[in-house]
């Protein structure tokens, strides 16, 4: 079977390229292998470690802290209709390489929101990590969540808390700017989004792990967030997603107090704007991303996902160059939020039309990152070579 990128409505890609996904994982691993370690050996749990910031965190910890890792993610394998998800293949390829390099790498596939998966994870920590973990990375992106206590399923929405607003964005399939709008949120919409994307599940994870006695002294945990620049203010800070992130910040302060008993800490990390499985579909964000990437590359400050996470962990999580804001969030997005960077980005966005956006922004770089999420357009991969699906089906995470 020959697999080519097939972009459907909304920017979803029908099938990932398994071999391309392997090349992307190897590229991130090789980047870390060429750098010195940034801390002593760790045992790490990553919630949502199959793609984006979660996968980069797993790789950075494995090869920058000699970390044995467990990742929890909700992914699916090969079926009659699909070649699985990109995250499915990322899990497989990371585990294969990490084990070759003498590291423990375990994948738990299932609903991270459920008590069953939390209990299964605790048992694995006891079995393979001598009963302790040193760090928990929370990097979960999901449109819905079933509350393990009530059994009610909650659905997040991307709406505005300040009334209906215009929200143009990129149609990645047709490669044109399309007019759109973000609808006004009701209080129910806000509450639902907080239940899914706020800090409740992160808190349940940490407290269940704490009660089980599997957190080591000086344990650290962080949840990734994005704050948004002025250009995306209406989408993030003034959107339902922004309300959820404020809840996440309150949760961090609560957890930080609870972890004092271990001399541990919990904090929110505000990361740089990058193309992830979630961000590519947020209204307005692709336009901002294309403009931002051009500016930051010209200024020499652009970082891809593994570069961003390496700097964060090396300098701010385990190093002595931590940058925080007035509410205690850690800010590796500092290069993005530089005044000159934002001014130049806004100037590009103000000129963007469907006729010129490719030439005045870094659409090609943004689109390349989008394709790489699913293993396409990666250097060194022969996309005309047929894949042996039966052989690939034998691989399990």
Protein backbone atom coordinates (compact mmCIF):
# COMPACT_ATOMS: atom_id res chain seq x y z
CA UNK A 1 0.00 0.00 0.00
CA UNK A 2 1.32 3.45 -0.96
CA UNK A 3 0.22 6.14 1.51
CA UNK A 4 -0.07 9.80 0.56
CA UNK A 5 -1.41 12.66 2.71
CA UNK A 6 -5.18 12.87 2.40
CA UNK A 7 -6.46 15.94 4.20
CA UNK A 8 -10.14 15.88 5.01
CA UNK A 9 -12.52 18.63 6.09
CA UNK A 10 -11.28 20.50 9.15
CA UNK A 11 -7.65 19.62 8.50
CA UNK A 12 -7.81 16.01 9.69
CA UNK A 13 -5.48 13.58 7.91
CA UNK A 14 -7.13 10.27 7.04
CA UNK A 15 -4.09 8.03 7.43
CA UNK A 16 -0.66 8.62 8.96
CA UNK A 17 2.49 7.30 7.32
CA UNK A 18 3.96 4.79 9.81
CA UNK A 19 7.50 4.93 8.43
CA UNK A 20 7.36 8.73 8.30
CA UNK A 21 6.26 8.79 11.94
CA UNK A 22 9.29 6.66 12.78
CA UNK A 23 11.57 9.16 11.05
CA UNK A 24 10.06 12.06 13.01
CA UNK A 25 10.55 10.24 16.33
CA UNK A 26 14.14 9.34 15.40
CA UNK A 27 14.87 12.95 14.44
CA UNK A 28 13.81 14.17 17.89
CA UNK A 29 15.74 11.40 19.63
CA UNK A 30 18.89 12.18 17.63
CA UNK A 31 18.58 15.86 18.54
CA UNK A 32 18.62 14.97 22.24
CA UNK A 33 21.41 12.42 21.84
CA UNK A 34 23.71 15.19 20.62
CA UNK A 35 23.23 17.20 23.82
CA UNK A 36 24.57 16.58 27.34
CA UNK A 37 22.16 15.30 30.00
CA UNK A 38 20.51 18.02 32.08
CA UNK A 39 19.82 16.13 35.32
CA UNK A 40 20.33 12.81 37.05
CA UNK A 41 18.35 9.70 36.14
CA UNK A 42 14.57 10.05 36.46
CA UNK A 43 11.44 7.88 36.35
CA UNK A 44 8.77 9.70 34.38
CA UNK A 45 5.05 9.40 33.74
CA UNK A 46 3.65 11.30 30.77
CA UNK A 47 -0.10 11.66 30.40
CA UNK A 48 -0.62 12.24 26.69
CA UNK A 49 2.87 11.16 25.65
CA UNK A 50 2.06 10.01 22.12
CA UNK A 51 2.36 13.29 20.22
CA UNK A 52 3.16 16.99 20.40
CA UNK A 53 4.54 18.38 23.65
CA UNK A 54 3.88 15.10 25.46
CA UNK A 55 5.98 13.06 23.03
CA UNK A 56 8.74 15.68 23.03
CA UNK A 57 8.73 15.63 26.84
CA UNK A 58 9.09 11.87 26.86
CA UNK A 59 12.00 12.04 24.43
CA UNK A 60 13.69 14.93 26.28
CA UNK A 61 13.44 13.13 29.61
CA UNK A 62 14.57 9.79 28.19
CA UNK A 63 17.64 11.19 26.46
CA UNK A 64 18.33 14.24 28.63
CA UNK A 65 17.70 12.62 32.01
CA UNK A 66 18.30 8.94 31.22
CA UNK A 67 14.64 8.52 32.16
CA UNK A 68 12.62 5.34 32.17
CA UNK A 69 9.14 6.33 31.03
CA UNK A 70 5.50 5.32 31.09
CA UNK A 71 3.14 7.03 28.66
CA UNK A 72 -0.65 6.98 28.87
CA UNK A 73 -2.51 7.81 25.66
CA UNK A 74 -5.74 7.04 23.84
CA UNK A 75 -4.69 5.79 20.40
CA UNK A 76 -5.92 3.20 17.91
CA UNK A 77 -4.10 0.73 15.67
CA UNK A 78 -4.61 -0.59 12.17
CA UNK A 79 -8.20 -1.37 11.19
CA UNK A 80 -10.09 -2.07 7.97
CA UNK A 81 -10.65 1.68 7.54
CA UNK A 82 -7.46 3.30 8.83
CA UNK A 83 -3.74 2.76 9.37
CA UNK A 84 -4.20 3.68 12.99
CA UNK A 85 -3.31 7.06 14.46
CA UNK A 86 0.01 8.86 14.31
CA UNK A 87 0.23 8.58 18.09
CA UNK A 88 -0.10 4.79 17.85
CA UNK A 89 3.02 4.65 15.67
CA UNK A 90 4.88 7.22 17.74
CA UNK A 91 4.37 5.01 20.80
CA UNK A 92 5.69 1.96 18.95
CA UNK A 93 8.77 3.63 17.48
CA UNK A 94 9.74 5.41 20.69
CA UNK A 95 9.49 2.19 22.68
CA UNK A 96 11.56 0.25 20.14
CA UNK A 97 14.38 2.80 20.14
CA UNK A 98 14.35 3.46 23.88
CA UNK A 99 14.59 -0.26 24.65
CA UNK A 100 17.49 -0.59 22.19
CA UNK A 101 19.19 2.16 24.15
CA UNK A 102 18.71 0.34 27.45
CA UNK A 103 15.77 2.34 28.77
CA UNK A 104 12.45 1.12 30.17
CA UNK A 105 9.56 2.38 28.01
CA UNK A 106 6.00 1.29 28.72
CA UNK A 107 2.84 2.35 26.87
CA UNK A 108 -0.61 2.23 28.43
CA UNK A 109 -3.37 2.64 25.86
CA UNK A 110 -6.74 3.77 27.19
CA UNK A 111 -8.84 6.55 28.65
CA UNK A 112 -6.54 8.59 30.90
CA UNK A 113 -9.61 10.16 32.52
CA UNK A 114 -10.79 6.82 33.90
CA UNK A 115 -10.01 5.37 37.32
CA UNK A 116 -9.21 2.01 35.71
CA UNK A 117 -6.31 3.45 33.71
CA UNK A 118 -5.05 5.37 36.75
CA UNK A 119 -5.03 2.17 38.82
CA UNK A 120 -3.38 0.25 35.98
CA UNK A 121 -0.68 2.92 35.83
CA UNK A 122 -0.07 2.75 39.58
CA UNK A 123 0.39 -1.01 39.36
CA UNK A 124 2.88 -0.57 36.54
CA UNK A 125 4.84 2.02 38.55
CA UNK A 126 5.04 -0.45 41.43
CA UNK A 127 6.08 -3.26 39.10
CA UNK A 128 8.68 -1.65 36.82
CA UNK A 129 9.82 1.53 38.63
CA UNK A 130 10.38 0.12 42.13
CA UNK A 131 7.24 1.90 43.22
CA UNK A 132 8.19 5.56 42.60
CA UNK A 133 8.13 8.23 39.92
CA UNK A 134 10.09 11.49 39.98
CA UNK A 135 8.11 13.53 37.45
CA UNK A 136 4.63 13.67 35.93
CA UNK A 137 4.02 15.57 32.68
CA UNK A 138 0.36 16.30 31.96
CA UNK A 139 -0.10 16.98 28.24
CA UNK A 140 -3.58 15.71 27.46
CA UNK A 141 -5.68 17.10 24.61
CA UNK A 142 -9.18 15.69 24.27
CA UNK A 143 -12.54 17.05 23.08
CA UNK A 144 -14.50 15.15 25.74
CA UNK A 145 -14.14 13.61 29.18
CA UNK A 146 -16.24 11.21 31.19
CA UNK A 147 -16.17 12.13 34.87
CA UNK A 148 -15.13 8.95 36.74
CA UNK A 149 -17.22 9.94 39.76
CA UNK A 150 -20.53 10.88 38.10
CA UNK A 151 -20.22 8.92 34.87
CA UNK A 152 -21.33 12.02 32.95
CA UNK A 153 -19.55 12.76 29.67
CA UNK A 154 -18.60 16.41 29.18
CA UNK A 155 -17.77 18.03 25.82
CA UNK A 156 -15.47 20.99 25.33
CA UNK A 157 -16.23 23.77 22.84
CA UNK A 158 -14.24 26.57 21.23
CA UNK A 159 -16.42 29.61 21.85
CA UNK A 160 -16.01 33.19 22.97
CA UNK A 161 -16.86 34.43 26.46
CA UNK A 162 -17.28 38.03 25.20
CA UNK A 163 -19.87 37.51 22.48
CA UNK A 164 -19.70 36.33 18.88
CA UNK A 165 -16.48 37.32 17.08
CA UNK A 166 -15.01 37.02 13.60
CA UNK A 167 -12.42 34.26 13.47
CA UNK A 168 -10.85 33.81 10.01
CA UNK A 169 -8.53 30.85 9.66
CA UNK A 170 -6.73 28.66 7.14
CA UNK A 171 -8.40 25.82 5.27
CA UNK A 172 -5.38 23.51 5.20
CA UNK A 173 -6.95 21.29 2.56
CA UNK A 174 -7.68 24.06 0.04
CA UNK A 175 -4.85 26.25 1.35
CA UNK A 176 -6.93 29.40 1.46
CA UNK A 177 -8.04 31.84 4.14
CA UNK A 178 -11.68 31.32 5.01
CA UNK A 179 -14.02 33.60 6.90
CA UNK A 180 -15.42 32.18 10.06
CA UNK A 181 -16.74 33.16 13.42
CA UNK A 182 -16.52 32.02 16.99
CA UNK A 183 -19.92 31.73 18.59
CA UNK A 184 -20.77 33.22 21.96
CA UNK A 185 -20.45 30.79 24.87
CA UNK A 186 -23.11 30.12 27.43
CA UNK A 187 -22.21 29.44 31.04
CA UNK A 188 -22.91 25.76 30.30
CA UNK A 189 -20.33 25.87 27.48
CA UNK A 190 -17.75 27.37 29.81
CA UNK A 191 -18.46 24.84 32.55
CA UNK A 192 -18.25 21.93 30.10
CA UNK A 193 -14.92 23.09 28.69
CA UNK A 194 -13.47 23.54 32.17
CA UNK A 195 -14.53 19.98 33.06
CA UNK A 196 -12.63 18.65 30.03
CA UNK A 197 -9.65 21.00 29.67
CA UNK A 198 -9.25 22.42 33.17
CA UNK A 199 -7.21 20.99 36.02
CA UNK A 200 -9.64 18.49 37.52
CA UNK A 201 -8.16 15.38 35.92
CA UNK A 202 -4.56 16.52 36.55
CA UNK A 203 -5.48 16.89 40.22
CA UNK A 204 -7.12 13.45 40.31
CA UNK A 205 -3.97 11.91 38.84
CA UNK A 206 -1.61 13.57 41.32
CA UNK A 207 -3.79 12.88 44.34
CA UNK A 208 -4.35 9.24 43.41
CA UNK A 209 -0.61 8.76 42.88
CA UNK A 210 0.11 10.54 46.17
CA UNK A 211 -2.38 8.39 48.07
CA UNK A 212 -0.84 5.27 46.54
CA UNK A 213 2.58 6.30 47.84
CA UNK A 214 4.27 6.21 44.42
CA UNK A 215 5.60 9.79 44.30
CA UNK A 216 9.29 10.20 45.11
CA UNK A 217 10.80 12.94 47.26
CA UNK A 218 11.22 16.22 45.32
CA UNK A 219 8.60 15.04 42.83
CA UNK A 220 7.77 17.54 40.09
CA UNK A 221 4.68 17.87 37.91
CA UNK A 222 3.65 20.32 35.24
CA UNK A 223 0.70 20.75 32.89
CA UNK A 224 1.23 22.46 29.55
CA UNK A 225 -0.77 25.51 28.61
CA UNK A 226 -0.78 28.34 26.10
CA UNK A 227 -1.51 31.94 26.99
CA UNK A 228 -1.90 33.61 23.62
CA UNK A 229 -0.67 36.90 22.25
CA UNK A 230 -2.81 39.98 21.57
CA UNK A 231 -3.48 38.65 18.06
CA UNK A 232 -5.19 35.55 19.46
CA UNK A 233 -6.54 37.13 22.64
CA UNK A 234 -10.17 36.71 21.61
CA UNK A 235 -9.62 33.01 20.91
CA UNK A 236 -7.60 32.08 23.98
CA UNK A 237 -7.83 34.39 26.96
CA UNK A 238 -11.39 35.46 26.14
CA UNK A 239 -12.48 32.05 24.94
CA UNK A 240 -13.77 28.96 26.71
CA UNK A 241 -10.29 27.49 26.39
CA UNK A 242 -8.93 30.45 28.35
CA UNK A 243 -11.43 29.83 31.14
CA UNK A 244 -10.22 26.23 31.31
CA UNK A 245 -6.59 27.33 31.49
CA UNK A 246 -7.37 29.69 34.41
CA UNK A 247 -8.83 26.67 36.21
CA UNK A 248 -5.64 24.77 35.43
CA UNK A 249 -3.63 27.54 37.12
CA UNK A 250 -5.76 27.40 40.27
CA UNK A 251 -5.26 23.64 40.31
CA UNK A 252 -1.48 24.07 40.13
CA UNK A 253 -1.51 26.20 43.27
CA UNK A 254 -3.62 23.60 45.10
CA UNK A 255 -1.32 20.76 44.06
CA UNK A 256 1.76 22.74 44.96
CA UNK A 257 0.52 22.97 48.56
CA UNK A 258 -0.32 19.26 48.67
CA UNK A 259 3.16 18.32 47.44
CA UNK A 260 4.98 20.24 50.17
CA UNK A 261 5.00 17.00 52.15
CA UNK A 262 7.41 15.59 49.55
CA UNK A 263 9.32 18.82 49.03
CA UNK A 264 7.79 18.64 45.56
CA UNK A 265 6.20 21.16 43.26
CA UNK A 266 3.44 21.62 40.69
CA UNK A 267 3.22 24.39 38.14
CA UNK A 268 1.71 25.33 34.79
CA UNK A 269 4.10 25.70 31.85
CA UNK A 270 3.10 28.20 29.17
CA UNK A 271 4.64 26.88 25.98
CA UNK A 272 5.34 28.52 22.63
CA UNK A 273 2.87 28.48 19.75
CA UNK A 274 3.60 25.39 17.66
CA UNK A 275 1.70 23.10 15.33
CA UNK A 276 0.20 20.31 17.42
CA UNK A 277 -2.64 17.87 16.95
CA UNK A 278 -4.90 20.29 18.84
CA UNK A 279 -3.64 23.74 17.83
CA UNK A 280 -3.93 23.22 14.06
CA UNK A 281 -7.72 23.27 14.33
CA UNK A 282 -8.15 26.35 16.53
CA UNK A 283 -9.66 29.29 14.61
CA UNK A 284 -7.22 32.10 13.75
CA UNK A 285 -4.24 30.20 15.20
CA UNK A 286 -2.88 28.91 11.84
CA UNK A 287 -2.70 32.47 10.48
CA UNK A 288 -0.91 33.65 13.60
CA UNK A 289 1.41 30.64 13.48
CA UNK A 290 2.40 31.28 9.86
CA UNK A 291 3.24 34.92 10.62
CA UNK A 292 5.01 34.13 13.90
CA UNK A 293 7.18 31.39 12.40
CA UNK A 294 8.44 33.76 9.68
CA UNK A 295 9.37 36.42 12.21
CA UNK A 296 11.03 34.09 14.70
CA UNK A 297 13.02 32.28 12.02
CA UNK A 298 14.27 35.58 10.65
CA UNK A 299 15.22 36.71 14.17
CA UNK A 300 16.89 33.36 14.91
CA UNK A 301 14.62 32.63 17.89
CA UNK A 302 12.31 29.96 16.46
CA UNK A 303 12.21 26.61 18.25
CA UNK A 304 10.49 23.45 17.12
CA UNK A 305 8.78 21.20 19.63
CA UNK A 306 11.79 19.23 20.88
CA UNK A 307 13.96 22.36 20.97
CA UNK A 308 11.36 24.19 23.07
CA UNK A 309 10.91 21.31 25.51
CA UNK A 310 14.64 20.71 25.82
CA UNK A 311 15.23 24.37 26.76
CA UNK A 312 12.32 24.33 29.18
CA UNK A 313 13.49 21.18 30.97
CA UNK A 314 17.20 21.99 30.85
CA UNK A 315 16.90 25.63 31.96
CA UNK A 316 13.62 25.91 33.84
CA UNK A 317 12.38 22.55 35.14
CA UNK A 318 15.75 21.27 36.34
CA UNK A 319 18.05 24.24 35.70
CA UNK A 320 18.49 27.59 37.41
CA UNK A 321 17.20 29.82 34.57
CA UNK A 322 13.50 29.57 35.35
CA UNK A 323 11.34 32.39 33.98
CA UNK A 324 8.04 32.89 35.80
CA UNK A 325 5.23 35.43 35.60
CA UNK A 326 3.30 37.17 38.37
CA UNK A 327 0.90 34.23 38.83
CA UNK A 328 3.70 31.67 39.07
CA UNK A 329 3.49 30.13 35.61
CA UNK A 330 6.76 29.03 34.00
CA UNK A 331 7.26 30.82 30.69
CA UNK A 332 9.41 29.14 28.00
CA UNK A 333 7.23 31.13 25.57
CA UNK A 334 9.31 34.20 26.45
CA UNK A 335 10.91 34.36 23.00
CA UNK A 336 7.51 34.35 21.29
CA UNK A 337 6.19 37.09 23.58
CA UNK A 338 9.12 39.42 22.90
CA UNK A 339 7.78 42.89 22.00
CA UNK A 340 9.62 43.12 18.67
CA UNK A 341 8.49 39.63 17.69
CA UNK A 342 4.86 40.45 18.44
CA UNK A 343 4.99 43.79 16.61
CA UNK A 344 6.40 42.23 13.44
CA UNK A 345 3.96 39.32 13.63
CA UNK A 346 0.98 41.66 13.92
CA UNK A 347 2.22 43.66 10.92
CA UNK A 348 2.25 40.53 8.77
CA UNK A 349 -1.19 39.41 9.96
CA UNK A 350 -2.67 42.82 9.11
CA UNK A 351 -1.60 42.37 5.46
CA UNK A 352 -2.67 38.74 5.02
CA UNK A 353 -5.08 37.80 2.22
CA UNK A 354 -5.76 34.53 0.43
CA UNK A 355 -3.66 35.87 -2.46
CA UNK A 356 -0.52 36.78 -0.51
CA UNK A 357 -0.38 34.82 2.77
CA UNK A 358 1.94 32.17 1.34
CA UNK A 359 4.49 34.73 0.20
CA UNK A 360 4.49 37.08 3.20
CA UNK A 361 4.37 34.44 5.95
CA UNK A 362 5.98 31.08 6.67
CA UNK A 363 3.04 29.03 5.45
CA UNK A 364 5.45 26.48 3.99
CA UNK A 365 7.08 25.93 7.39
CA UNK A 366 3.75 25.76 9.20
CA UNK A 367 2.37 23.31 6.63
CA UNK A 368 5.54 21.21 6.82
CA UNK A 369 5.11 20.88 10.59
CA UNK A 370 1.45 19.97 10.06
CA UNK A 371 2.38 17.21 7.59
CA UNK A 372 5.09 15.88 9.91
CA UNK A 373 2.48 15.36 12.65
CA UNK A 374 1.29 12.45 10.52
CA UNK A 375 4.66 11.37 9.16
CA UNK A 376 4.58 13.06 5.76
CA UNK A 377 7.17 15.04 3.81
CA UNK A 378 10.00 13.87 6.07
CA UNK A 379 13.47 13.87 4.53
CA UNK A 380 14.86 10.42 3.82
CA UNK A 381 11.50 8.62 3.61
CA UNK A 382 10.55 7.00 0.27
CA UNK A 383 6.84 7.73 0.00
CA UNK A 384 6.58 5.83 -3.29
CA UNK A 385 7.66 2.60 -1.59
CA UNK A 386 4.66 0.38 -0.72
CA UNK A 387 4.11 -0.35 2.98
CA UNK A 388 3.76 -3.93 4.18
CA UNK A 389 0.55 -3.51 6.17
CA UNK A 390 0.47 -7.11 7.40
CA UNK A 391 3.95 -6.75 8.87
CA UNK A 392 3.09 -3.41 10.45
CA UNK A 393 -0.01 -4.94 12.03
CA UNK A 394 2.20 -7.27 14.06
CA UNK A 395 3.74 -4.30 15.91
CA UNK A 396 2.12 -3.33 19.19
CA UNK A 397 2.85 -0.45 21.55
